Amino acid sequence: MSDTKPDDDQNSQPAISELDDAAVADFLKNDDSFFRRHPDLLTELTIPHAARGTVSLVEKQIDLLRERNQKLQHKLQQLINNAGANQTTYERIGSLAIGLAKAGSLDGLLQELCDQLADNFAVDAVAIELAPREQGDWPQLVHTAARAESTALIGPFLGEPPADLDLAGLFGNQAEQIASIGILPLGNNASLGRLLLASHDPERFRADLGTQLLTQIGELVSALLSHHC
């Protein structure tokens, strides 16, 4: 009678059915030499692909690397574009500050402000509304606010022109073309008045845009105008 014993090695091997996805994944991650020992598997293994039927593991890896590379390139291009836009903005602010500082008179300052906003900041129309001056009248470019409360404004406003804004009085024959507007307070809580920047483009001064640049322009103009009040 044969005295055969079960094969201990065979019994010690886990059944294939007992392996789950996590176990396979852990094994492949922990044994980085597996595919070096079995190089043929890299080309033999296939992965379902919605557009191309099945692809090899190597092709799949190449596709994933290519996709990641494209995403990184896109992010890098965004950073480069943002850096370029920021540099352009700083240069325009610098040019505005120098131009206003060089103005020899109040009339020259206001005209330089209007010219630079139109030329360098894509503004179609500019209106300057100031509180009544203590000594004398403002230059012709200025619209004098009839009441102090009409200039009340805490921070920059962006969006469609408010219904109570006198567009015709401020912008003349351009009033009907104005689709968006930026309103900047001049002085603390607009104590000096308001600077109004208008555009024919409804997207130019959208309500969800940032106001840092406009705040800087408002503070610069306020500081210079305070010497002429």
Protein backbone atom coordinates (compact mmCIF):
# COMPACT_ATOMS: atom_id res chain seq x y z
CA MET A 1 0.00 0.00 0.00
CA SER A 2 1.37 3.28 -1.02
CA ASP A 3 2.23 5.66 1.70
CA THR A 4 1.93 8.91 -0.32
CA LYS A 5 1.71 12.20 1.55
CA PRO A 6 0.14 15.34 0.26
CA ASP A 7 2.59 17.77 -1.28
CA ASP A 8 3.34 20.29 1.48
CA ASP A 9 4.57 22.89 -1.02
CA GLN A 10 1.39 22.60 -3.01
CA ASN A 11 -0.76 23.01 0.06
CA SER A 12 1.17 26.07 1.19
CA GLN A 13 0.41 27.99 -2.03
CA PRO A 14 -2.74 30.16 -1.81
CA ALA A 15 -5.46 29.31 -4.26
CA ILE A 16 -5.71 31.75 -7.18
CA SER A 17 -9.29 32.45 -6.24
CA GLU A 18 -8.16 33.72 -2.84
CA LEU A 19 -6.16 36.57 -4.39
CA ASP A 20 -7.93 39.89 -4.62
CA ASP A 21 -7.07 43.16 -6.39
CA ALA A 22 -5.43 44.65 -3.32
CA ALA A 23 -3.17 41.64 -2.82
CA VAL A 24 -2.03 41.69 -6.45
CA ALA A 25 -1.47 45.44 -6.35
CA ASP A 26 0.54 45.20 -3.11
CA PHE A 27 2.65 42.37 -4.50
CA LEU A 28 3.53 44.29 -7.68
CA LYS A 29 4.29 47.48 -5.74
CA ASN A 30 6.49 45.68 -3.20
CA ASP A 31 8.35 43.50 -5.72
CA ASP A 32 9.87 46.01 -8.14
CA SER A 33 11.91 43.28 -9.80
CA PHE A 34 8.89 41.23 -10.89
CA PHE A 35 8.72 42.65 -14.41
CA ARG A 36 12.50 42.42 -14.75
CA ARG A 37 12.18 38.68 -14.11
CA HIS A 38 9.23 38.41 -16.50
CA PRO A 39 9.84 41.06 -19.23
CA ASP A 40 7.59 39.31 -21.74
CA LEU A 41 4.56 40.06 -19.59
CA LEU A 42 4.89 43.78 -20.31
CA THR A 43 3.99 43.22 -23.95
CA GLU A 44 1.66 40.27 -23.38
CA LEU A 45 -0.59 41.90 -20.79
CA THR A 46 -3.47 43.81 -22.36
CA ILE A 47 -5.77 46.44 -20.87
CA PRO A 48 -9.28 47.23 -22.14
CA HIS A 49 -9.42 50.61 -23.88
CA ALA A 50 -12.69 52.32 -24.81
CA ALA A 51 -11.45 53.70 -28.12
CA ARG A 52 -8.74 51.21 -29.23
CA GLY A 53 -10.00 47.84 -27.99
CA THR A 54 -7.05 46.48 -25.98
CA VAL A 55 -3.60 47.95 -25.45
CA SER A 56 -0.45 46.54 -23.90
CA LEU A 57 0.71 47.55 -20.44
CA VAL A 58 3.63 49.47 -21.94
CA GLU A 59 1.29 51.39 -24.27
CA LYS A 60 -0.98 52.18 -21.32
CA GLN A 61 1.95 53.47 -19.28
CA ILE A 62 3.11 55.61 -22.20
CA ASP A 63 -0.42 57.02 -22.57
CA LEU A 64 -0.55 57.87 -18.85
CA LEU A 65 2.89 59.53 -18.94
CA ARG A 66 1.94 61.49 -22.04
CA GLU A 67 -1.28 62.68 -20.38
CA ARG A 68 0.57 63.74 -17.22
CA ASN A 69 3.18 65.53 -19.32
CA GLN A 70 0.49 67.45 -21.20
CA LYS A 71 -1.13 68.51 -17.91
CA LEU A 72 2.22 69.69 -16.54
CA GLN A 73 2.96 71.61 -19.74
CA HIS A 74 -0.47 73.25 -19.54
CA LYS A 75 0.13 74.30 -15.92
CA LEU A 76 3.59 75.62 -16.80
CA GLN A 77 2.15 77.64 -19.69
CA GLN A 78 -0.48 79.09 -17.34
CA LEU A 79 2.26 80.16 -14.91
CA ILE A 80 4.25 81.75 -17.74
CA ASN A 81 1.16 83.57 -19.03
CA ASN A 82 0.26 84.82 -15.54
CA ALA A 83 3.82 86.03 -14.96
CA GLY A 84 3.75 87.88 -18.28
CA ALA A 85 0.37 89.45 -17.49
CA ASN A 86 1.58 90.53 -14.04
CA GLN A 87 4.72 92.07 -15.51
CA THR A 88 2.64 94.01 -18.05
CA THR A 89 0.34 95.23 -15.28
CA TYR A 90 3.26 96.44 -13.12
CA GLU A 91 4.73 98.27 -16.10
CA ARG A 92 1.41 100.01 -16.83
CA ILE A 93 0.95 101.04 -13.20
CA GLY A 94 4.51 102.37 -13.18
CA SER A 95 3.93 104.33 -16.38
CA LEU A 96 0.70 105.78 -14.95
CA ALA A 97 2.39 106.81 -11.69
CA ILE A 98 5.29 108.49 -13.51
CA GLY A 99 2.99 110.27 -15.96
CA LEU A 100 0.75 111.63 -13.19
CA ALA A 101 3.72 112.67 -11.04
CA LYS A 102 5.22 114.59 -13.96
CA ALA A 103 2.00 116.53 -14.64
CA GLY A 104 2.69 120.20 -14.01
CA SER A 105 -0.88 121.19 -13.18
CA LEU A 106 -4.21 119.79 -12.03
CA ASP A 107 -5.57 120.01 -15.59
CA GLY A 108 -2.49 118.17 -16.86
CA LEU A 109 -2.85 115.48 -14.18
CA LEU A 110 -6.51 114.81 -15.02
CA GLN A 111 -5.84 114.74 -18.76
CA GLU A 112 -2.89 112.36 -18.31
CA LEU A 113 -5.09 110.11 -16.17
CA CYS A 114 -7.83 109.92 -18.81
CA ASP A 115 -5.33 109.36 -21.64
CA GLN A 116 -3.43 106.57 -19.90
CA LEU A 117 -6.58 104.76 -18.77
CA ALA A 118 -7.87 104.79 -22.35
CA ASP A 119 -4.55 103.80 -23.96
CA ASN A 120 -3.12 101.30 -21.47
CA PHE A 121 -6.05 99.86 -19.51
CA ALA A 122 -8.65 99.17 -22.22
CA VAL A 123 -11.12 101.75 -20.92
CA ASP A 124 -13.58 103.20 -23.46
CA ALA A 125 -14.70 106.18 -21.37
CA VAL A 126 -13.58 107.84 -18.16
CA ALA A 127 -15.49 110.12 -15.82
CA ILE A 128 -14.13 111.87 -12.73
CA GLU A 129 -16.72 112.88 -10.15
CA LEU A 130 -15.42 114.91 -7.20
CA ALA A 131 -16.93 116.52 -4.13
CA PRO A 132 -17.23 120.32 -4.30
CA ARG A 133 -13.88 122.03 -3.97
CA GLU A 134 -13.21 124.30 -1.01
CA GLN A 135 -11.39 126.91 -3.08
CA GLY A 136 -12.54 127.60 -6.62
CA ASP A 137 -13.97 125.17 -9.17
CA TRP A 138 -12.61 121.95 -10.52
CA PRO A 139 -11.29 121.85 -14.11
CA GLN A 140 -13.79 121.22 -16.89
CA LEU A 141 -12.94 117.50 -17.04
CA VAL A 142 -14.42 117.00 -13.55
CA HIS A 143 -18.08 116.36 -12.76
CA THR A 144 -18.85 117.93 -9.40
CA ALA A 145 -21.00 115.73 -7.16
CA ALA A 146 -24.22 117.52 -6.25
CA ARG A 147 -24.49 115.84 -2.84
CA ALA A 148 -21.88 114.31 -0.55
CA GLU A 149 -23.84 111.06 -0.23
CA SER A 150 -23.77 110.56 -4.02
CA THR A 151 -20.08 109.69 -3.76
CA ALA A 152 -20.38 107.22 -0.84
CA LEU A 153 -18.45 104.07 -1.76
CA ILE A 154 -16.34 101.76 0.41
CA GLY A 155 -14.48 99.75 -2.27
CA PRO A 156 -14.34 99.34 -6.05
CA PHE A 157 -17.61 98.42 -7.75
CA LEU A 158 -17.64 96.22 -10.86
CA GLY A 159 -20.57 95.18 -13.03
CA GLU A 160 -23.43 96.59 -15.01
CA PRO A 161 -24.00 100.34 -14.52
CA PRO A 162 -26.23 100.91 -11.47
CA ALA A 163 -29.75 102.04 -12.36
CA ASP A 164 -29.35 105.33 -10.46
CA LEU A 165 -26.12 106.28 -12.25
CA ASP A 166 -26.50 109.25 -14.59
CA LEU A 167 -24.67 107.76 -17.57
CA ALA A 168 -25.71 110.51 -19.97
CA GLY A 169 -24.50 113.21 -17.60
CA LEU A 170 -21.19 111.45 -16.98
CA PHE A 171 -20.37 109.98 -20.40
CA GLY A 172 -22.38 112.04 -22.88
CA ASN A 173 -23.04 110.40 -26.24
CA GLN A 174 -21.21 107.22 -25.18
CA ALA A 175 -23.79 106.47 -22.49
CA GLU A 176 -25.88 104.06 -24.57
CA GLN A 177 -22.82 101.95 -25.49
CA ILE A 178 -21.67 101.36 -21.93
CA ALA A 179 -22.15 97.70 -20.95
CA SER A 180 -19.95 97.41 -17.85
CA ILE A 181 -18.37 99.81 -15.42
CA GLY A 182 -15.76 100.06 -12.69
CA ILE A 183 -16.32 102.65 -9.98
CA LEU A 184 -13.34 103.50 -7.77
CA PRO A 185 -13.63 105.43 -4.50
CA LEU A 186 -11.27 108.39 -4.22
CA GLY A 187 -10.20 109.14 -0.68
CA ASN A 188 -11.35 107.35 2.46
CA ASN A 189 -14.89 106.04 1.78
CA ALA A 190 -14.90 108.15 -1.38
CA SER A 191 -14.56 111.37 0.59
CA LEU A 192 -12.91 113.00 -2.44
CA GLY A 193 -15.22 111.49 -5.05
CA ARG A 194 -15.26 108.65 -7.58
CA LEU A 195 -13.34 107.59 -10.67
CA LEU A 196 -15.62 105.85 -13.18
CA LEU A 197 -14.19 103.57 -15.87
CA ALA A 198 -16.63 102.44 -18.56
CA SER A 199 -16.44 99.82 -21.27
CA HIS A 200 -18.55 98.80 -24.26
CA ASP A 201 -17.64 95.18 -23.45
CA PRO A 202 -19.92 93.54 -20.82
CA GLU A 203 -17.02 91.25 -19.81
CA ARG A 204 -14.48 94.03 -19.19
CA PHE A 205 -15.68 94.93 -15.69
CA ARG A 206 -17.47 91.74 -14.64
CA ALA A 207 -18.58 91.62 -11.02
CA ASP A 208 -16.48 88.49 -10.31
CA LEU A 209 -13.15 90.02 -11.38
CA GLY A 210 -10.45 90.97 -8.89
CA THR A 211 -10.16 94.58 -7.76
CA GLN A 212 -6.50 94.80 -6.65
CA LEU A 213 -5.38 96.73 -9.72
CA LEU A 214 -8.31 99.13 -9.52
CA THR A 215 -7.67 99.67 -5.82
CA GLN A 216 -4.06 100.62 -6.57
CA ILE A 217 -5.16 103.09 -9.26
CA GLY A 218 -7.73 104.61 -6.91
CA GLU A 219 -5.18 105.03 -4.11
CA LEU A 220 -2.64 106.58 -6.48
CA VAL A 221 -5.13 109.10 -7.89
CA SER A 222 -6.46 109.89 -4.41
CA ALA A 223 -2.98 110.69 -3.09
CA LEU A 224 -2.28 113.06 -5.97
CA LEU A 225 -5.68 114.75 -5.92
CA SER A 226 -5.50 115.37 -2.16
CA HIS A 227 -2.89 118.07 -2.85
CA HIS A 228 -5.37 120.02 -5.00
CA CYS A 229 -8.49 119.97 -2.80
